[in-house]
Amino acid sequence: MIKINLVAKRTPKDKLLVQKQALYTVGLLVMALSIGLFMGYVASSKKEGYQEDLAFEKSEQSKLLAVKKKNAEFNTKKKRREEILQVIDILQERKKGPRPFLDYLNVILPADIWLTMISENDLNITVTGYTFSPQAVAELMRSMEISDIFSAVELFEIQKKTLNGEEVKSFTINAHWDLREIVPVDGIKG
């Protein structure tokens, strides 16, 4: 009978070769695992850095938006102040010299009326004077009412008086004068 030995004889040289291959394989696995962990760490660090940069940029953007909003508010306030200053300049120019409605009163004043006093309180005026006929007072009031300058024209009183031996009528008229009709101001309501 023939005997065949199926188990190979291992020589110490073969054992050393298998051990070396196993050691190389384990070394390569450890090296691959180390490289993978290092690359993961680098990627994680970059991701955290990007997230920090993104958070910083968002905070900067919100700060810039707040500054932009304040700038818009400032420009709105500045424009409003300029409009107010423009109106103040117009009002100061009107304040110099006689009031604009005096010219108009002079034009519409009937011949047989003479005025003794014109007083102004804000936009209300009181006209006081004398006449020989009540029709002249009515004519003055009608002329004031149809104008664009005066509104709410009312006869406050009319009385008979004797002045230098002559009988006259003393009258007082109250009215409101409209500042915008005399000098229009764009965009600003009075």
N, C-alpha and C. Protein backbone atom coordinates (compact mmCIF):
# COMPACT_ATOMS: atom_id res chain seq x y z
N MET A 1 0.78 -1.14 0.00
CA MET A 1 0.00 0.00 0.00
C MET A 1 0.86 1.24 0.00
N ILE A 2 0.32 2.13 -0.67
CA ILE A 2 1.11 3.33 -0.85
C ILE A 2 0.53 4.40 0.08
N LYS A 3 1.38 5.05 0.69
CA LYS A 3 0.97 6.13 1.59
C LYS A 3 1.30 7.47 0.96
N ILE A 4 0.26 8.31 0.96
CA ILE A 4 0.48 9.67 0.43
C ILE A 4 0.23 10.63 1.59
N ASN A 5 1.13 11.42 1.74
CA ASN A 5 1.03 12.40 2.82
C ASN A 5 0.41 13.68 2.22
N LEU A 6 -0.82 13.92 2.61
CA LEU A 6 -1.53 15.09 2.09
C LEU A 6 -1.21 16.36 2.89
N VAL A 7 -0.75 16.20 3.98
CA VAL A 7 -0.36 17.35 4.79
C VAL A 7 1.05 17.71 4.39
N ALA A 8 1.15 18.88 3.93
CA ALA A 8 2.46 19.32 3.47
C ALA A 8 3.34 19.59 4.65
N LYS A 9 4.48 19.33 4.43
CA LYS A 9 5.43 19.61 5.49
C LYS A 9 5.81 21.06 5.40
N ARG A 10 5.74 21.61 6.48
CA ARG A 10 6.07 23.03 6.49
C ARG A 10 7.47 23.15 7.03
N THR A 11 8.05 23.98 6.33
CA THR A 11 9.41 24.22 6.76
C THR A 11 9.40 25.57 7.46
N PRO A 12 10.35 25.77 8.26
CA PRO A 12 10.39 27.04 8.96
C PRO A 12 10.43 28.22 7.98
N LYS A 13 10.92 28.01 6.80
CA LYS A 13 10.98 29.09 5.84
C LYS A 13 9.56 29.48 5.41
N ASP A 14 8.72 28.52 5.16
CA ASP A 14 7.34 28.78 4.77
C ASP A 14 6.57 29.46 5.90
N LYS A 15 6.82 29.02 7.09
CA LYS A 15 6.15 29.63 8.24
C LYS A 15 6.53 31.10 8.33
N LEU A 16 7.76 31.39 8.12
CA LEU A 16 8.22 32.78 8.18
C LEU A 16 7.57 33.60 7.08
N LEU A 17 7.41 33.04 5.92
CA LEU A 17 6.81 33.74 4.80
C LEU A 17 5.34 34.06 5.10
N VAL A 18 4.60 33.09 5.63
CA VAL A 18 3.19 33.29 5.99
C VAL A 18 3.09 34.34 7.09
N GLN A 19 3.96 34.31 8.04
CA GLN A 19 3.93 35.29 9.13
C GLN A 19 4.23 36.69 8.59
N LYS A 20 5.18 36.76 7.68
CA LYS A 20 5.51 38.06 7.08
C LYS A 20 4.30 38.59 6.30
N GLN A 21 3.66 37.73 5.51
CA GLN A 21 2.50 38.17 4.72
C GLN A 21 1.35 38.62 5.65
N ALA A 22 1.14 37.87 6.71
CA ALA A 22 0.10 38.23 7.66
C ALA A 22 0.44 39.57 8.32
N LEU A 23 1.72 39.73 8.67
CA LEU A 23 2.16 40.97 9.28
C LEU A 23 2.00 42.16 8.31
N TYR A 24 2.36 41.96 7.05
CA TYR A 24 2.19 43.01 6.04
C TYR A 24 0.71 43.36 5.86
N THR A 25 -0.12 42.33 5.82
CA THR A 25 -1.56 42.55 5.65
C THR A 25 -2.12 43.34 6.83
N VAL A 26 -1.76 42.95 8.04
CA VAL A 26 -2.22 43.67 9.23
C VAL A 26 -1.66 45.10 9.21
N GLY A 27 -0.43 45.27 8.82
CA GLY A 27 0.19 46.60 8.74
C GLY A 27 -0.54 47.48 7.72
N LEU A 28 -0.83 46.87 6.55
CA LEU A 28 -1.56 47.63 5.53
C LEU A 28 -2.96 48.01 6.02
N LEU A 29 -3.61 47.08 6.71
CA LEU A 29 -4.94 47.38 7.26
C LEU A 29 -4.88 48.52 8.29
N VAL A 30 -3.88 48.44 9.17
CA VAL A 30 -3.71 49.49 10.18
C VAL A 30 -3.39 50.82 9.50
N MET A 31 -2.53 50.77 8.47
CA MET A 31 -2.16 51.98 7.75
C MET A 31 -3.40 52.55 7.03
N ALA A 32 -4.19 51.69 6.37
CA ALA A 32 -5.40 52.15 5.67
C ALA A 32 -6.40 52.73 6.66
N LEU A 33 -6.54 52.06 7.81
CA LEU A 33 -7.45 52.56 8.85
C LEU A 33 -6.96 53.90 9.39
N SER A 34 -5.67 54.04 9.60
CA SER A 34 -5.10 55.30 10.09
C SER A 34 -5.31 56.42 9.07
N ILE A 35 -5.05 56.11 7.79
CA ILE A 35 -5.25 57.12 6.74
C ILE A 35 -6.73 57.51 6.68
N GLY A 36 -7.62 56.53 6.76
CA GLY A 36 -9.07 56.81 6.74
C GLY A 36 -9.48 57.68 7.92
N LEU A 37 -8.98 57.35 9.11
CA LEU A 37 -9.30 58.16 10.29
C LEU A 37 -8.74 59.57 10.17
N PHE A 38 -7.52 59.68 9.66
CA PHE A 38 -6.90 60.99 9.48
C PHE A 38 -7.70 61.83 8.47
N MET A 39 -8.08 61.20 7.36
CA MET A 39 -8.86 61.93 6.34
C MET A 39 -10.23 62.35 6.91
N GLY A 40 -10.84 61.47 7.70
CA GLY A 40 -12.12 61.81 8.34
C GLY A 40 -11.95 62.98 9.31
N TYR A 41 -10.86 62.97 10.07
CA TYR A 41 -10.57 64.06 11.00
C TYR A 41 -10.37 65.36 10.24
N VAL A 42 -9.59 65.29 9.15
CA VAL A 42 -9.35 66.50 8.34
C VAL A 42 -10.66 67.02 7.76
N ALA A 43 -11.50 66.12 7.24
CA ALA A 43 -12.78 66.54 6.66
C ALA A 43 -13.68 67.13 7.74
N SER A 44 -13.69 66.52 8.91
CA SER A 44 -14.51 67.02 10.02
C SER A 44 -14.02 68.41 10.46
N SER A 45 -12.70 68.57 10.52
CA SER A 45 -12.14 69.87 10.89
C SER A 45 -12.50 70.93 9.86
N LYS A 46 -12.40 70.56 8.57
CA LYS A 46 -12.76 71.51 7.53
C LYS A 46 -14.24 71.87 7.61
N LYS A 47 -15.08 70.88 7.88
CA LYS A 47 -16.52 71.11 7.98
C LYS A 47 -16.81 72.06 9.15
N GLU A 48 -16.18 71.82 10.29
CA GLU A 48 -16.37 72.71 11.45
C GLU A 48 -15.89 74.13 11.11
N GLY A 49 -14.76 74.20 10.41
CA GLY A 49 -14.24 75.52 10.01
C GLY A 49 -15.21 76.23 9.08
N TYR A 50 -15.76 75.48 8.12
CA TYR A 50 -16.73 76.07 7.20
C TYR A 50 -18.00 76.50 7.94
N GLN A 51 -18.42 75.70 8.90
CA GLN A 51 -19.60 76.06 9.68
C GLN A 51 -19.35 77.32 10.51
N GLU A 52 -18.16 77.41 11.09
CA GLU A 52 -17.80 78.62 11.84
C GLU A 52 -17.76 79.83 10.92
N ASP A 53 -17.16 79.66 9.73
CA ASP A 53 -17.11 80.75 8.75
C ASP A 53 -18.52 81.16 8.33
N LEU A 54 -19.38 80.16 8.11
CA LEU A 54 -20.76 80.44 7.71
C LEU A 54 -21.49 81.20 8.82
N ALA A 55 -21.32 80.76 10.06
CA ALA A 55 -21.97 81.45 11.18
C ALA A 55 -21.45 82.88 11.30
N PHE A 56 -20.14 83.08 11.12
CA PHE A 56 -19.56 84.42 11.18
C PHE A 56 -20.13 85.30 10.06
N GLU A 57 -20.19 84.74 8.85
CA GLU A 57 -20.73 85.50 7.71
C GLU A 57 -22.20 85.86 7.93
N LYS A 58 -22.97 84.94 8.51
CA LYS A 58 -24.38 85.24 8.79
C LYS A 58 -24.50 86.35 9.82
N SER A 59 -23.66 86.31 10.85
CA SER A 59 -23.72 87.38 11.86
C SER A 59 -23.30 88.71 11.24
N GLU A 60 -22.31 88.70 10.37
CA GLU A 60 -21.88 89.93 9.69
C GLU A 60 -23.00 90.44 8.78
N GLN A 61 -23.67 89.50 8.10
CA GLN A 61 -24.77 89.89 7.22
C GLN A 61 -25.91 90.52 8.03
N SER A 62 -26.23 89.95 9.19
CA SER A 62 -27.30 90.53 10.01
C SER A 62 -26.89 91.91 10.52
N LYS A 63 -25.60 92.08 10.86
CA LYS A 63 -25.13 93.40 11.28
C LYS A 63 -25.24 94.41 10.14
N LEU A 64 -24.88 93.97 8.92
CA LEU A 64 -24.96 94.86 7.77
C LEU A 64 -26.41 95.22 7.45
N LEU A 65 -27.31 94.26 7.60
CA LEU A 65 -28.73 94.55 7.38
C LEU A 65 -29.25 95.56 8.39
N ALA A 66 -28.79 95.42 9.65
CA ALA A 66 -29.20 96.38 10.68
C ALA A 66 -28.66 97.78 10.35
N VAL A 67 -27.43 97.85 9.88
CA VAL A 67 -26.84 99.13 9.50
C VAL A 67 -27.59 99.71 8.29
N LYS A 68 -27.94 98.85 7.34
CA LYS A 68 -28.68 99.29 6.16
C LYS A 68 -30.05 99.84 6.56
N LYS A 69 -30.71 99.17 7.50
CA LYS A 69 -32.02 99.62 7.98
C LYS A 69 -31.90 100.98 8.67
N LYS A 70 -30.87 101.14 9.54
CA LYS A 70 -30.65 102.41 10.22
C LYS A 70 -30.35 103.52 9.21
N ASN A 71 -29.59 103.18 8.18
CA ASN A 71 -29.25 104.15 7.14
C ASN A 71 -30.51 104.60 6.40
N ALA A 72 -31.39 103.66 6.10
CA ALA A 72 -32.65 104.00 5.43
C ALA A 72 -33.51 104.90 6.33
N GLU A 73 -33.57 104.57 7.62
CA GLU A 73 -34.32 105.40 8.57
C GLU A 73 -33.72 106.80 8.65
N PHE A 74 -32.39 106.85 8.69
CA PHE A 74 -31.70 108.14 8.75
C PHE A 74 -32.03 108.97 7.51
N ASN A 75 -31.98 108.34 6.33
CA ASN A 75 -32.27 109.07 5.10
C ASN A 75 -33.72 109.56 5.07
N THR A 76 -34.64 108.75 5.59
CA THR A 76 -36.05 109.16 5.66
C THR A 76 -36.20 110.37 6.58
N LYS A 77 -35.57 110.29 7.76
CA LYS A 77 -35.63 111.41 8.70
C LYS A 77 -34.97 112.65 8.12
N LYS A 78 -33.86 112.46 7.43
CA LYS A 78 -33.14 113.59 6.82
C LYS A 78 -34.02 114.26 5.78
N LYS A 79 -34.70 113.47 4.95
CA LYS A 79 -35.57 114.02 3.92
C LYS A 79 -36.72 114.79 4.57
N ARG A 80 -37.31 114.22 5.62
CA ARG A 80 -38.42 114.89 6.32
C ARG A 80 -37.94 116.21 6.94
N ARG A 81 -36.75 116.20 7.55
CA ARG A 81 -36.20 117.43 8.13
C ARG A 81 -35.98 118.49 7.06
N GLU A 82 -35.48 118.06 5.89
CA GLU A 82 -35.26 119.02 4.81
C GLU A 82 -36.58 119.62 4.35
N GLU A 83 -37.63 118.80 4.28
CA GLU A 83 -38.95 119.31 3.91
C GLU A 83 -39.44 120.32 4.95
N ILE A 84 -39.26 119.99 6.22
CA ILE A 84 -39.68 120.89 7.29
C ILE A 84 -38.91 122.20 7.22
N LEU A 85 -37.60 122.11 7.00
CA LEU A 85 -36.79 123.32 6.90
C LEU A 85 -37.21 124.17 5.71
N GLN A 86 -37.58 123.51 4.62
CA GLN A 86 -38.05 124.23 3.44
C GLN A 86 -39.34 124.99 3.76
N VAL A 87 -40.25 124.33 4.46
CA VAL A 87 -41.50 124.98 4.84
C VAL A 87 -41.23 126.13 5.80
N ILE A 88 -40.30 125.93 6.74
CA ILE A 88 -39.95 127.00 7.68
C ILE A 88 -39.40 128.20 6.92
N ASP A 89 -38.54 127.94 5.93
CA ASP A 89 -38.00 129.05 5.13
C ASP A 89 -39.12 129.80 4.41
N ILE A 90 -40.07 129.05 3.85
CA ILE A 90 -41.19 129.69 3.16
C ILE A 90 -42.01 130.53 4.14
N LEU A 91 -42.26 129.96 5.31
CA LEU A 91 -43.04 130.69 6.31
C LEU A 91 -42.31 131.94 6.80
N GLN A 92 -40.99 131.83 6.95
CA GLN A 92 -40.23 133.01 7.39
C GLN A 92 -40.23 134.09 6.31
N GLU A 93 -40.19 133.67 5.04
CA GLU A 93 -40.25 134.66 3.97
C GLU A 93 -41.59 135.36 3.98
N ARG A 94 -42.64 134.62 4.25
CA ARG A 94 -43.97 135.23 4.31
C ARG A 94 -44.10 136.16 5.50
N LYS A 95 -43.37 135.85 6.55
CA LYS A 95 -43.45 136.65 7.77
C LYS A 95 -42.84 138.03 7.56
N LYS A 96 -41.89 138.14 6.64
CA LYS A 96 -41.27 139.43 6.36
C LYS A 96 -42.28 140.31 5.64
N GLY A 97 -42.47 141.50 6.10
CA GLY A 97 -43.37 142.43 5.43
C GLY A 97 -44.83 142.09 5.67
N PRO A 98 -45.71 142.74 4.94
CA PRO A 98 -47.15 142.54 5.16
C PRO A 98 -47.60 141.14 4.72
N ARG A 99 -48.70 140.71 5.29
CA ARG A 99 -49.27 139.42 4.96
C ARG A 99 -49.79 139.42 3.53
N PRO A 100 -49.76 138.29 2.86
CA PRO A 100 -50.22 138.24 1.46
C PRO A 100 -51.70 138.58 1.29
N PHE A 101 -52.52 138.31 2.28
CA PHE A 101 -53.94 138.58 2.13
C PHE A 101 -54.26 140.08 2.16
N LEU A 102 -53.34 140.89 2.66
CA LEU A 102 -53.58 142.34 2.72
C LEU A 102 -53.72 142.92 1.31
N ASP A 103 -52.90 142.45 0.39
CA ASP A 103 -53.00 142.90 -0.99
C ASP A 103 -54.38 142.60 -1.56
N TYR A 104 -54.83 141.39 -1.31
CA TYR A 104 -56.13 140.98 -1.84
C TYR A 104 -57.25 141.80 -1.20
N LEU A 105 -57.19 142.03 0.09
CA LEU A 105 -58.20 142.86 0.75
C LEU A 105 -58.23 144.26 0.15
N ASN A 106 -57.08 144.80 -0.15
CA ASN A 106 -56.99 146.13 -0.76
C ASN A 106 -57.68 146.16 -2.13
N VAL A 107 -57.55 145.08 -2.88
CA VAL A 107 -58.15 145.02 -4.22
C VAL A 107 -59.66 144.91 -4.14
N ILE A 108 -60.19 144.12 -3.21
CA ILE A 108 -61.64 143.88 -3.15
C ILE A 108 -62.38 144.88 -2.27
N LEU A 109 -61.69 145.75 -1.59
CA LEU A 109 -62.32 146.69 -0.65
C LEU A 109 -63.19 147.70 -1.40
N PRO A 110 -64.49 147.76 -1.09
CA PRO A 110 -65.37 148.76 -1.73
C PRO A 110 -64.92 150.18 -1.37
N ALA A 111 -65.32 151.11 -2.21
CA ALA A 111 -64.86 152.50 -2.06
C ALA A 111 -65.39 153.18 -0.80
N ASP A 112 -66.60 152.82 -0.34
CA ASP A 112 -67.16 153.52 0.81
C ASP A 112 -66.92 152.79 2.13
N ILE A 113 -65.87 151.99 2.19
CA ILE A 113 -65.46 151.32 3.44
C ILE A 113 -64.06 151.77 3.77
N TRP A 114 -63.81 152.08 5.02
CA TRP A 114 -62.43 152.29 5.48
C TRP A 114 -62.20 151.41 6.69
N LEU A 115 -61.07 150.76 6.68
CA LEU A 115 -60.72 149.79 7.73
C LEU A 115 -59.98 150.49 8.85
N THR A 116 -60.27 150.07 10.07
CA THR A 116 -59.58 150.64 11.23
C THR A 116 -58.61 149.65 11.85
N MET A 117 -58.89 148.37 11.66
CA MET A 117 -58.01 147.38 12.27
C MET A 117 -58.13 146.04 11.53
N ILE A 118 -56.99 145.37 11.36
CA ILE A 118 -56.95 144.00 10.86
C ILE A 118 -56.07 143.24 11.83
N SER A 119 -56.64 142.23 12.48
CA SER A 119 -55.83 141.44 13.41
C SER A 119 -55.82 139.99 12.95
N GLU A 120 -54.73 139.34 13.29
CA GLU A 120 -54.52 137.95 12.85
C GLU A 120 -54.17 137.09 14.04
N ASN A 121 -54.77 135.92 14.11
CA ASN A 121 -54.45 134.93 15.14
C ASN A 121 -54.36 133.60 14.42
N ASP A 122 -53.16 133.08 14.27
CA ASP A 122 -52.88 131.89 13.46
C ASP A 122 -53.41 132.15 12.04
N LEU A 123 -54.40 131.40 11.61
CA LEU A 123 -54.94 131.58 10.27
C LEU A 123 -56.31 132.25 10.29
N ASN A 124 -56.69 132.81 11.41
CA ASN A 124 -57.96 133.53 11.52
C ASN A 124 -57.67 135.02 11.52
N ILE A 125 -58.50 135.77 10.80
CA ILE A 125 -58.32 137.22 10.79
C ILE A 125 -59.64 137.88 11.20
N THR A 126 -59.50 139.06 11.77
CA THR A 126 -60.65 139.90 12.12
C THR A 126 -60.44 141.25 11.46
N VAL A 127 -61.44 141.66 10.68
CA VAL A 127 -61.39 142.93 9.96
C VAL A 127 -62.43 143.85 10.59
N THR A 128 -61.98 145.02 11.04
CA THR A 128 -62.88 146.00 11.67
C THR A 128 -62.80 147.31 10.89
N GLY A 129 -63.95 147.95 10.72
CA GLY A 129 -63.94 149.21 9.98
C GLY A 129 -65.26 149.94 10.06
N TYR A 130 -65.39 150.97 9.22
CA TYR A 130 -66.60 151.80 9.16
C TYR A 130 -67.07 151.88 7.71
N THR A 131 -68.37 152.10 7.57
CA THR A 131 -68.97 152.29 6.24
C THR A 131 -70.19 153.16 6.38
N PHE A 132 -70.65 153.71 5.26
CA PHE A 132 -71.88 154.48 5.25
C PHE A 132 -73.07 153.59 4.92
N SER A 133 -72.82 152.43 4.25
CA SER A 133 -73.95 151.57 3.88
C SER A 133 -73.66 150.11 4.21
N PRO A 134 -74.64 149.40 4.73
CA PRO A 134 -74.47 147.97 5.02
C PRO A 134 -74.25 147.14 3.74
N GLN A 135 -74.71 147.64 2.59
CA GLN A 135 -74.51 146.91 1.34
C GLN A 135 -73.02 146.79 1.00
N ALA A 136 -72.23 147.78 1.37
CA ALA A 136 -70.79 147.72 1.11
C ALA A 136 -70.15 146.60 1.93
N VAL A 137 -70.63 146.40 3.17
CA VAL A 137 -70.12 145.30 4.01
C VAL A 137 -70.49 143.96 3.38
N ALA A 138 -71.72 143.84 2.88
CA ALA A 138 -72.16 142.61 2.22
C ALA A 138 -71.32 142.34 0.97
N GLU A 139 -71.03 143.41 0.22
CA GLU A 139 -70.20 143.25 -0.99
C GLU A 139 -68.79 142.79 -0.62
N LEU A 140 -68.21 143.34 0.44
CA LEU A 140 -66.88 142.92 0.91
C LEU A 140 -66.91 141.45 1.32
N MET A 141 -67.94 141.05 2.06
CA MET A 141 -68.03 139.65 2.51
C MET A 141 -68.18 138.71 1.31
N ARG A 142 -69.00 139.08 0.32
CA ARG A 142 -69.18 138.25 -0.88
C ARG A 142 -67.86 138.10 -1.62
N SER A 143 -67.12 139.19 -1.77
CA SER A 143 -65.82 139.13 -2.46
C SER A 143 -64.84 138.25 -1.70
N MET A 144 -64.87 138.30 -0.39
CA MET A 144 -63.97 137.45 0.41
C MET A 144 -64.36 135.98 0.26
N GLU A 145 -65.66 135.68 0.26
CA GLU A 145 -66.11 134.28 0.17
C GLU A 145 -65.78 133.65 -1.17
N ILE A 146 -65.87 134.40 -2.26
CA ILE A 146 -65.62 133.78 -3.58
C ILE A 146 -64.12 133.65 -3.87
N SER A 147 -63.29 134.23 -3.04
CA SER A 147 -61.85 134.13 -3.25
C SER A 147 -61.35 132.75 -2.81
N ASP A 148 -60.17 132.39 -3.27
CA ASP A 148 -59.51 131.15 -2.83
C ASP A 148 -58.73 131.37 -1.54
N ILE A 149 -58.59 132.60 -1.13
CA ILE A 149 -57.77 132.92 0.03
C ILE A 149 -58.56 132.82 1.33
N PHE A 150 -59.81 133.29 1.32
CA PHE A 150 -60.60 133.34 2.54
C PHE A 150 -61.70 132.28 2.54
N SER A 151 -62.03 131.79 3.72
CA SER A 151 -63.15 130.87 3.89
C SER A 151 -63.80 131.17 5.24
N ALA A 152 -64.99 130.64 5.45
CA ALA A 152 -65.73 130.81 6.70
C ALA A 152 -65.85 132.29 7.07
N VAL A 153 -66.28 133.08 6.11
CA VAL A 153 -66.43 134.53 6.33
C VAL A 153 -67.75 134.77 7.07
N GLU A 154 -67.66 135.46 8.22
CA GLU A 154 -68.85 135.72 9.04
C GLU A 154 -68.85 137.18 9.48
N LEU A 155 -70.06 137.75 9.50
CA LEU A 155 -70.22 139.09 10.05
C LEU A 155 -70.40 138.93 11.55
N PHE A 156 -69.46 139.46 12.32
CA PHE A 156 -69.52 139.32 13.77
C PHE A 156 -70.49 140.34 14.37
N GLU A 157 -70.35 141.61 13.93
CA GLU A 157 -71.26 142.63 14.44
C GLU A 157 -71.29 143.80 13.48
N ILE A 158 -72.42 144.50 13.50
CA ILE A 158 -72.56 145.76 12.78
C ILE A 158 -73.42 146.67 13.67
N GLN A 159 -72.94 147.88 13.90
CA GLN A 159 -73.61 148.81 14.82
C GLN A 159 -73.62 150.20 14.21
N LYS A 160 -74.67 150.97 14.59
CA LYS A 160 -74.72 152.38 14.19
C LYS A 160 -73.87 153.17 15.18
N LYS A 161 -73.09 154.11 14.63
CA LYS A 161 -72.29 154.98 15.47
C LYS A 161 -72.30 156.37 14.85
N THR A 162 -72.00 157.34 15.70
CA THR A 162 -71.86 158.69 15.19
C THR A 162 -70.39 159.04 15.29
N LEU A 163 -69.85 159.45 14.16
CA LEU A 163 -68.43 159.75 14.09
C LEU A 163 -68.28 161.12 13.43
N ASN A 164 -67.73 162.09 14.18
CA ASN A 164 -67.56 163.47 13.70
C ASN A 164 -68.88 164.05 13.18
N GLY A 165 -69.95 163.74 13.88
CA GLY A 165 -71.26 164.29 13.53
C GLY A 165 -71.97 163.55 12.42
N GLU A 166 -71.40 162.50 11.89
CA GLU A 166 -72.03 161.74 10.81
C GLU A 166 -72.38 160.36 11.32
N GLU A 167 -73.50 159.85 10.82
CA GLU A 167 -73.93 158.50 11.21
C GLU A 167 -73.24 157.49 10.28
N VAL A 168 -72.51 156.53 10.90
CA VAL A 168 -71.81 155.47 10.16
C VAL A 168 -72.15 154.13 10.77
N LYS A 169 -71.78 153.09 10.07
CA LYS A 169 -71.95 151.73 10.59
C LYS A 169 -70.56 151.16 10.91
N SER A 170 -70.40 150.70 12.14
CA SER A 170 -69.16 150.03 12.56
C SER A 170 -69.40 148.52 12.37
N PHE A 171 -68.42 147.85 11.78
CA PHE A 171 -68.59 146.41 11.54
C PHE A 171 -67.33 145.64 11.91
N THR A 172 -67.53 144.35 12.18
CA THR A 172 -66.42 143.41 12.43
C THR A 172 -66.72 142.13 11.66
N ILE A 173 -65.76 141.72 10.86
CA ILE A 173 -65.89 140.48 10.07
C ILE A 173 -64.78 139.53 10.52
N ASN A 174 -65.17 138.28 10.75
CA ASN A 174 -64.20 137.22 11.06
C ASN A 174 -64.09 136.29 9.86
N ALA A 175 -62.89 135.83 9.58
CA ALA A 175 -62.68 134.91 8.44
C ALA A 175 -61.46 134.04 8.72
N HIS A 176 -61.33 133.04 7.91
CA HIS A 176 -60.18 132.13 7.96
C HIS A 176 -59.43 132.31 6.64
N TRP A 177 -58.13 132.47 6.68
CA TRP A 177 -57.38 132.57 5.43
C TRP A 177 -56.53 131.33 5.25
N ASP A 178 -56.47 130.86 4.02
CA ASP A 178 -55.83 129.59 3.68
C ASP A 178 -54.42 129.84 3.18
N LEU A 179 -53.47 129.41 3.96
CA LEU A 179 -52.05 129.61 3.66
C LEU A 179 -51.64 128.92 2.37
N ARG A 180 -52.20 127.77 2.08
CA ARG A 180 -51.77 126.97 0.91
C ARG A 180 -52.21 127.62 -0.39
N GLU A 181 -53.29 128.38 -0.39
CA GLU A 181 -53.76 128.99 -1.63
C GLU A 181 -52.84 130.13 -2.07
N ILE A 182 -52.12 130.70 -1.12
CA ILE A 182 -51.27 131.84 -1.47
C ILE A 182 -49.94 131.37 -2.02
N VAL A 183 -49.28 130.45 -1.32
CA VAL A 183 -48.01 129.89 -1.79
C VAL A 183 -48.09 128.38 -1.63
N PRO A 184 -48.25 127.62 -2.74
CA PRO A 184 -48.36 126.17 -2.62
C PRO A 184 -47.03 125.56 -2.19
N VAL A 185 -47.12 124.55 -1.34
CA VAL A 185 -45.95 123.83 -0.86
C VAL A 185 -46.10 122.39 -1.33
N ASP A 186 -45.19 121.92 -2.19
CA ASP A 186 -45.30 120.57 -2.75
C ASP A 186 -45.11 119.51 -1.69
N GLY A 187 -46.04 118.57 -1.63
CA GLY A 187 -45.89 117.39 -0.78
C GLY A 187 -46.13 117.63 0.68
N ILE A 188 -46.36 118.84 1.12
CA ILE A 188 -46.54 119.09 2.55
C ILE A 188 -47.92 119.70 2.73
N LYS A 189 -48.69 119.10 3.58
CA LYS A 189 -50.03 119.63 3.83
C LYS A 189 -49.95 120.56 5.02
N GLY A 190 -50.66 121.65 4.93
CA GLY A 190 -50.65 122.64 5.99
C GLY A 190 -51.53 122.27 7.13
